[in-house]
Amino acid sequence: MPKTSPPTEYEVVTYAEPHPGRTAAILKAHPEVRSLFGRTPATALVVAAILALQLGLAYALRSQPWWVLVLCAFSVGAVVHHTCFVVIHEATHSLVFKGRTANLLVAIAANLLHLIPSAVTFTRFHLVHHRHQGEYELDADLASHLEAKLVGNSVLGKTLWFAFFPLFQSLRMMRFSQTVGFWEPWTITNAVVVFAFDAAVYYFMGPVAFGYLLLSTFFSVGLHPLGGRLIQEHFIVAPPQETYSYYGIANLPALNVGFHNEHHDFSAIPWNNLPKLKALAPEFYDTLVSHRSWTALVLKFIFDPKLNLYSRITRPPAAQRKVLNGGVGRVPDTVASLEERKASVA
């Protein structure tokens, strides 16, 4: 029977997460999927175009009133800053260039406009999320118990969570200090480069231009239609399904990031080939529940008292856990490694 009350704890299951099994089944049914594996170097050009656009807009807005600033940040800045987050995601899986260094440089370049150094840290935690989906001790995509209880079920609490999501996300990192090692030279490099960029923007363009870029970042992953992606990916709206895709028009500026089931099944496929994967294997994806509107998801999460941060599926941890160090910007999964994953969870 469907739940009529909000969850007060994460749902814990003991079966394996669904992606390795579906990956193997798709490879068996459609071996031509292997042709979609690869990299898209042209993704780096997206970063250059967005940098030029946003710096030009920030300079033009340096003397405008606050309401113009907010309007531009919400309508334009949020969209392109969100695209930069997606580019960081692509670089995390080494889907832009072949080498680790080149991908990390793309990720840091895409991180500049966000004003908050996070690209290299994201690469570490996101790869762990793929390997340990739903494990509370390792998956930073899951809110801490304190965060979930603080936000609660109220409209105000969930609205504030959206509005200040970047801050909530940053605070989650503290609970992984003993399990996920993310301090390395690249982390320092990321911070130095981004803070230097911040200082240059503030010095040469002034506080209004700086504020425009900062507002664009907060809107891009917060109280905005784009914030629906935070709910779309793994929040349970049709149990027991735990991962969901989005097939709406916003995938155009978002570089198909809505194809989330497809991405988890084949993290070696770049953004421009994800729709091709769905088209090649419709019998695997058309039967899954999916979303068509991020705006509707934002509103549903805020106003539906049965949905909160505990509306997620989790798994118990392994008996022993090693600190996960290094691995930033590793090469994407090959067919062999994907099949190895399947064997390890069987």
Protein backbone atom coordinates (compact mmCIF):
# COMPACT_ATOMS: atom_id res chain seq x y z
CA MET A 1 0.00 0.00 0.00
CA PRO A 2 1.24 3.56 -0.69
CA LYS A 3 2.62 5.46 2.24
CA THR A 4 0.29 8.06 3.75
CA SER A 5 2.78 9.61 6.16
CA PRO A 6 6.21 11.16 5.62
CA PRO A 7 9.25 8.94 6.21
CA THR A 8 11.19 9.58 9.41
CA GLU A 9 14.20 7.44 8.46
CA TYR A 10 15.82 6.25 5.25
CA GLU A 11 14.39 3.08 3.75
CA VAL A 12 17.06 0.37 4.00
CA VAL A 13 17.16 -2.48 1.49
CA THR A 14 19.56 -5.41 1.19
CA TYR A 15 19.33 -6.08 -2.54
CA ALA A 16 21.94 -4.65 -4.93
CA GLU A 17 21.43 -1.35 -6.70
CA PRO A 18 19.83 -1.87 -10.11
CA HIS A 19 22.36 -0.45 -12.54
CA PRO A 20 25.03 -3.18 -12.93
CA GLY A 21 22.42 -5.82 -13.68
CA ARG A 22 20.68 -3.66 -16.26
CA THR A 23 24.03 -2.75 -17.82
CA ALA A 24 24.84 -6.42 -18.38
CA ALA A 25 21.37 -7.14 -19.76
CA ILE A 26 21.57 -4.24 -22.22
CA LEU A 27 25.03 -5.27 -23.39
CA LYS A 28 23.76 -8.78 -24.02
CA ALA A 29 20.67 -7.59 -25.90
CA HIS A 30 22.33 -4.69 -27.70
CA PRO A 31 26.10 -5.17 -28.07
CA GLU A 32 26.12 -2.17 -30.44
CA VAL A 33 25.85 0.04 -27.33
CA ARG A 34 29.63 -0.25 -27.10
CA SER A 35 29.89 2.10 -30.08
CA LEU A 36 28.48 4.91 -27.94
CA PHE A 37 31.41 4.79 -25.50
CA GLY A 38 33.91 7.62 -25.93
CA ARG A 39 34.67 11.26 -25.28
CA THR A 40 33.45 14.60 -26.60
CA PRO A 41 36.28 17.17 -26.69
CA ALA A 42 33.87 19.81 -28.05
CA THR A 43 32.37 19.97 -24.54
CA ALA A 44 35.34 22.16 -23.58
CA LEU A 45 34.16 24.76 -26.09
CA VAL A 46 30.91 25.05 -24.14
CA VAL A 47 32.92 26.27 -21.15
CA ALA A 48 34.72 28.90 -23.23
CA ALA A 49 31.44 30.18 -24.65
CA ILE A 50 29.80 30.39 -21.22
CA LEU A 51 32.80 32.18 -19.71
CA ALA A 52 32.66 34.80 -22.45
CA LEU A 53 28.89 35.21 -22.08
CA GLN A 54 28.85 35.49 -18.30
CA LEU A 55 31.82 37.79 -17.96
CA GLY A 56 30.32 40.04 -20.61
CA LEU A 57 26.96 40.08 -18.82
CA ALA A 58 28.57 40.65 -15.42
CA TYR A 59 30.45 43.65 -16.82
CA ALA A 60 27.30 45.05 -18.45
CA LEU A 61 25.34 44.66 -15.19
CA ARG A 62 27.94 46.29 -12.95
CA SER A 63 25.90 49.52 -12.66
CA GLN A 64 22.37 48.13 -12.95
CA PRO A 65 19.75 48.12 -10.16
CA TRP A 66 19.33 45.02 -8.00
CA TRP A 67 16.13 43.84 -9.67
CA VAL A 68 17.84 43.68 -13.07
CA LEU A 69 20.62 41.68 -11.43
CA VAL A 70 18.18 39.17 -9.94
CA LEU A 71 16.18 38.85 -13.16
CA CYS A 72 19.26 38.17 -15.28
CA ALA A 73 20.72 35.77 -12.73
CA PHE A 74 17.48 33.77 -12.60
CA SER A 75 16.76 33.71 -16.33
CA VAL A 76 20.23 33.48 -17.89
CA GLY A 77 22.94 33.06 -15.29
CA ALA A 78 21.35 30.09 -13.54
CA VAL A 79 20.93 28.19 -16.80
CA VAL A 80 24.53 28.53 -17.96
CA HIS A 81 25.99 28.01 -14.48
CA HIS A 82 24.00 24.78 -14.32
CA THR A 83 25.53 23.81 -17.67
CA CYS A 84 28.96 24.37 -16.12
CA PHE A 85 28.04 21.93 -13.35
CA VAL A 86 27.15 19.38 -16.01
CA VAL A 87 30.50 19.94 -17.75
CA ILE A 88 32.24 19.26 -14.41
CA HIS A 89 30.21 16.07 -14.22
CA GLU A 90 31.33 15.05 -17.71
CA ALA A 91 34.97 15.78 -16.87
CA THR A 92 34.60 13.76 -13.66
CA HIS A 93 33.94 10.68 -15.78
CA SER A 94 36.77 11.60 -18.19
CA LEU A 95 34.25 12.11 -20.97
CA VAL A 96 35.79 15.31 -22.38
CA PHE A 97 39.41 14.31 -23.00
CA LYS A 98 41.35 11.11 -22.50
CA GLY A 99 43.89 12.28 -19.93
CA ARG A 100 43.15 12.87 -16.27
CA THR A 101 44.94 16.23 -16.22
CA ALA A 102 43.08 17.60 -19.23
CA ASN A 103 39.72 16.66 -17.73
CA LEU A 104 40.56 18.23 -14.39
CA LEU A 105 41.60 21.46 -16.12
CA VAL A 106 38.25 21.53 -17.94
CA ALA A 107 36.44 20.93 -14.65
CA ILE A 108 38.30 23.77 -12.92
CA ALA A 109 37.62 26.11 -15.85
CA ALA A 110 33.91 25.27 -15.64
CA ASN A 111 34.06 25.90 -11.89
CA LEU A 112 35.37 29.47 -12.23
CA LEU A 113 32.00 31.16 -12.62
CA HIS A 114 30.59 29.40 -9.55
CA LEU A 115 33.02 31.44 -7.39
CA ILE A 116 33.16 28.54 -4.90
CA PRO A 117 35.92 25.95 -5.49
CA SER A 118 34.17 22.60 -5.72
CA ALA A 119 35.04 20.86 -9.01
CA VAL A 120 37.85 18.59 -7.80
CA THR A 121 36.02 17.70 -4.59
CA PHE A 122 32.95 16.85 -6.65
CA THR A 123 34.95 14.49 -8.84
CA ARG A 124 35.94 12.46 -5.81
CA PHE A 125 32.54 12.26 -4.15
CA HIS A 126 30.59 11.71 -7.34
CA LEU A 127 32.66 8.70 -8.36
CA VAL A 128 32.13 7.26 -4.87
CA HIS A 129 28.39 7.86 -5.33
CA HIS A 130 28.48 5.70 -8.47
CA ARG A 131 30.32 2.90 -6.71
CA HIS A 132 28.33 3.05 -3.45
CA GLN A 133 24.88 4.32 -4.37
CA GLY A 134 22.66 4.60 -1.31
CA GLU A 135 25.33 3.79 1.29
CA TYR A 136 24.96 6.43 3.97
CA GLU A 137 28.59 6.21 5.10
CA LEU A 138 29.90 6.97 1.59
CA ASP A 139 27.22 8.53 -0.61
CA ALA A 140 27.34 12.32 -0.31
CA ASP A 141 24.18 12.49 -2.41
CA LEU A 142 22.33 11.50 0.78
CA ALA A 143 21.55 14.16 3.36
CA SER A 144 22.88 13.65 6.87
CA HIS A 145 20.33 12.72 9.52
CA LEU A 146 20.78 16.17 11.06
CA GLU A 147 20.10 17.85 7.71
CA ALA A 148 17.02 15.70 7.05
CA LYS A 149 15.54 16.31 10.48
CA LEU A 150 16.35 20.04 10.38
CA VAL A 151 14.62 20.51 7.02
CA GLY A 152 11.68 18.32 8.03
CA ASN A 153 8.36 18.26 6.17
CA SER A 154 7.34 21.91 6.32
CA VAL A 155 6.94 24.10 3.23
CA LEU A 156 9.29 26.67 4.75
CA GLY A 157 11.97 24.14 5.65
CA LYS A 158 12.01 22.56 2.21
CA THR A 159 11.96 25.96 0.49
CA LEU A 160 14.97 27.10 2.51
CA TRP A 161 16.72 23.82 1.68
CA PHE A 162 16.38 24.58 -2.02
CA ALA A 163 17.43 28.21 -1.57
CA PHE A 164 20.60 27.33 0.33
CA PHE A 165 21.40 23.95 -1.16
CA PRO A 166 25.05 24.84 -1.96
CA LEU A 167 25.62 25.45 1.75
CA PHE A 168 23.88 22.25 2.80
CA GLN A 169 25.93 20.31 0.24
CA SER A 170 29.18 21.78 1.58
CA LEU A 171 28.31 20.81 5.16
CA ARG A 172 27.72 17.19 4.11
CA MET A 173 31.42 16.77 3.41
CA MET A 174 32.31 16.78 7.10
CA ARG A 175 30.74 13.41 7.78
CA PHE A 176 33.07 11.73 5.26
CA SER A 177 36.36 12.97 6.69
CA GLN A 178 37.32 9.47 7.88
CA THR A 179 36.16 7.51 4.82
CA VAL A 180 36.66 9.58 1.69
CA GLY A 181 40.00 11.29 1.23
CA PHE A 182 39.64 14.33 -1.00
CA TRP A 183 42.59 16.55 -0.09
CA GLU A 184 45.25 16.37 -2.78
CA PRO A 185 47.29 18.87 -4.82
CA TRP A 186 44.46 19.25 -7.33
CA THR A 187 42.09 20.31 -4.55
CA ILE A 188 44.48 23.11 -3.57
CA THR A 189 44.97 24.08 -7.21
CA ASN A 190 41.21 24.29 -7.67
CA ALA A 191 40.87 26.59 -4.65
CA VAL A 192 43.76 28.87 -5.62
CA VAL A 193 42.57 29.30 -9.21
CA VAL A 194 38.93 29.96 -8.30
CA PHE A 195 39.74 32.40 -5.50
CA ALA A 196 42.14 34.25 -7.79
CA PHE A 197 39.34 34.49 -10.35
CA ASP A 198 37.00 35.80 -7.63
CA ALA A 199 39.46 38.51 -6.67
CA ALA A 200 39.92 39.54 -10.31
CA VAL A 201 36.17 39.80 -10.93
CA TYR A 202 35.64 41.83 -7.77
CA TYR A 203 38.59 44.13 -8.47
CA PHE A 204 37.99 44.79 -12.18
CA MET A 205 34.18 44.61 -12.33
CA GLY A 206 33.05 45.50 -8.83
CA PRO A 207 30.70 44.01 -6.22
CA VAL A 208 27.55 44.14 -8.37
CA ALA A 209 29.09 42.00 -11.10
CA PHE A 210 30.42 39.64 -8.45
CA GLY A 211 26.96 39.46 -6.89
CA TYR A 212 25.43 38.59 -10.26
CA LEU A 213 27.73 35.57 -10.64
CA LEU A 214 27.09 34.47 -7.05
CA LEU A 215 23.31 34.72 -7.48
CA SER A 216 23.57 32.75 -10.72
CA THR A 217 25.33 29.95 -8.85
CA PHE A 218 22.75 29.77 -6.05
CA PHE A 219 19.83 29.77 -8.49
CA SER A 220 21.47 27.12 -10.69
CA VAL A 221 21.26 24.42 -8.01
CA GLY A 222 18.59 25.80 -5.74
CA LEU A 223 15.23 27.58 -5.67
CA HIS A 224 14.74 27.49 -9.42
CA PRO A 225 13.11 25.10 -11.93
CA LEU A 226 16.60 23.62 -12.40
CA GLY A 227 16.47 22.58 -8.75
CA GLY A 228 14.09 19.84 -9.80
CA ARG A 229 17.12 17.80 -10.83
CA LEU A 230 18.00 17.42 -7.15
CA ILE A 231 14.72 15.55 -6.64
CA GLN A 232 14.51 13.85 -10.02
CA GLU A 233 17.59 11.69 -9.80
CA HIS A 234 17.04 9.47 -6.74
CA PHE A 235 14.02 10.62 -4.70
CA ILE A 236 11.39 7.89 -4.52
CA VAL A 237 8.16 8.86 -6.26
CA ALA A 238 7.32 5.39 -7.61
CA PRO A 239 8.69 2.75 -5.22
CA PRO A 240 10.66 0.56 -5.43
CA GLN A 241 12.32 2.40 -8.35
CA GLU A 242 15.24 4.41 -6.95
CA THR A 243 16.75 6.19 -9.98
CA TYR A 244 14.74 8.33 -12.41
CA SER A 245 15.38 10.08 -15.69
CA TYR A 246 14.00 13.39 -16.94
CA TYR A 247 13.12 13.79 -20.62
CA GLY A 248 11.98 17.41 -20.79
CA ILE A 249 13.15 20.36 -22.88
CA ALA A 250 15.60 21.57 -20.24
CA ASN A 251 17.93 18.77 -21.30
CA LEU A 252 18.98 21.01 -24.20
CA PRO A 253 20.91 23.58 -22.11
CA ALA A 254 21.60 20.93 -19.45
CA LEU A 255 23.51 18.68 -21.86
CA ASN A 256 21.15 15.72 -21.36
CA VAL A 257 21.94 15.43 -17.67
CA GLY A 258 18.34 14.34 -17.17
CA PHE A 259 19.15 10.93 -18.70
CA HIS A 260 20.12 9.71 -15.27
CA ASN A 261 19.24 6.03 -15.45
CA GLU A 262 21.11 5.86 -18.73
CA HIS A 263 24.13 7.58 -17.19
CA HIS A 264 24.26 5.28 -14.16
CA ASP A 265 23.96 2.24 -16.40
CA PHE A 266 26.74 3.43 -18.73
CA SER A 267 28.95 6.11 -17.23
CA ALA A 268 31.33 5.70 -20.18
CA ILE A 269 28.82 7.29 -22.57
CA PRO A 270 29.15 11.09 -23.03
CA TRP A 271 26.18 13.43 -22.81
CA ASN A 272 25.58 13.70 -26.57
CA ASN A 273 25.15 9.92 -26.91
CA LEU A 274 22.79 9.30 -23.99
CA PRO A 275 19.61 9.81 -26.06
CA LYS A 276 21.02 7.30 -28.55
CA LEU A 277 21.36 4.76 -25.74
CA LYS A 278 17.71 5.18 -24.82
CA ALA A 279 16.73 4.84 -28.49
CA LEU A 280 18.79 1.65 -28.86
CA ALA A 281 17.29 -0.03 -25.78
CA PRO A 282 13.72 1.29 -25.40
CA GLU A 283 12.48 -1.91 -23.80
CA PHE A 284 14.75 -1.21 -20.81
CA TYR A 285 14.00 2.50 -20.35
CA ASP A 286 10.45 3.11 -21.59
CA THR A 287 9.15 0.79 -18.87
CA LEU A 288 10.69 2.93 -16.10
CA VAL A 289 8.92 5.85 -14.46
CA SER A 290 10.40 9.13 -15.68
CA HIS A 291 9.80 12.86 -15.27
CA ARG A 292 8.84 15.55 -17.77
CA SER A 293 9.02 18.71 -15.66
CA TRP A 294 11.64 19.87 -13.16
CA THR A 295 9.36 22.75 -12.14
CA ALA A 296 6.62 20.30 -11.19
CA LEU A 297 9.12 18.32 -9.13
CA VAL A 298 10.24 21.38 -7.18
CA LEU A 299 6.62 22.23 -6.36
CA LYS A 300 5.75 18.62 -5.53
CA PHE A 301 8.66 18.26 -3.14
CA ILE A 302 7.95 21.55 -1.38
CA PHE A 303 4.20 21.13 -0.97
CA ASP A 304 3.77 17.35 -0.66
CA PRO A 305 3.99 16.57 3.08
CA LYS A 306 4.78 12.91 2.29
CA LEU A 307 8.07 13.84 0.58
CA ASN A 308 11.19 14.90 2.44
CA LEU A 309 14.94 14.25 2.47
CA TYR A 310 14.33 10.74 3.83
CA SER A 311 12.47 9.76 0.65
CA ARG A 312 15.46 7.76 -0.53
CA ILE A 313 16.57 4.13 -0.68
CA THR A 314 19.73 3.22 1.22
CA ARG A 315 21.84 0.12 1.76
CA PRO A 316 23.76 -1.16 4.78
CA PRO A 317 27.52 -0.59 4.69
CA ALA A 318 30.16 -3.26 4.20
CA ALA A 319 31.56 -4.84 7.35
CA GLN A 320 34.89 -3.04 6.93
CA ARG A 321 35.66 0.14 5.09
CA LYS A 322 38.94 1.51 3.79
CA VAL A 323 39.60 5.18 3.30
CA LEU A 324 39.02 5.99 -0.37
CA ASN A 325 41.88 8.11 -1.62
CA GLY A 326 42.89 9.31 -5.05
CA GLY A 327 41.08 8.34 -8.18
CA VAL A 328 40.11 11.88 -9.08
CA GLY A 329 39.15 12.10 -12.72
CA ARG A 330 39.67 8.42 -13.49
CA VAL A 331 38.94 7.05 -16.94
CA PRO A 332 35.33 5.98 -17.53
CA ASP A 333 34.17 2.44 -17.02
CA THR A 334 35.01 0.01 -19.78
CA VAL A 335 32.77 -2.89 -20.71
CA ALA A 336 35.10 -5.20 -18.80
CA SER A 337 34.98 -3.12 -15.61
CA LEU A 338 31.21 -2.80 -15.83
CA GLU A 339 30.87 -6.57 -16.09
CA GLU A 340 33.28 -6.92 -13.17
CA ARG A 341 30.99 -4.66 -11.12
CA LYS A 342 28.06 -6.92 -11.96
CA ALA A 343 29.97 -9.98 -10.79
CA SER A 344 31.00 -8.29 -7.55
CA VAL A 345 27.41 -7.50 -6.54
CA ALA A 346 25.80 -10.70 -7.78
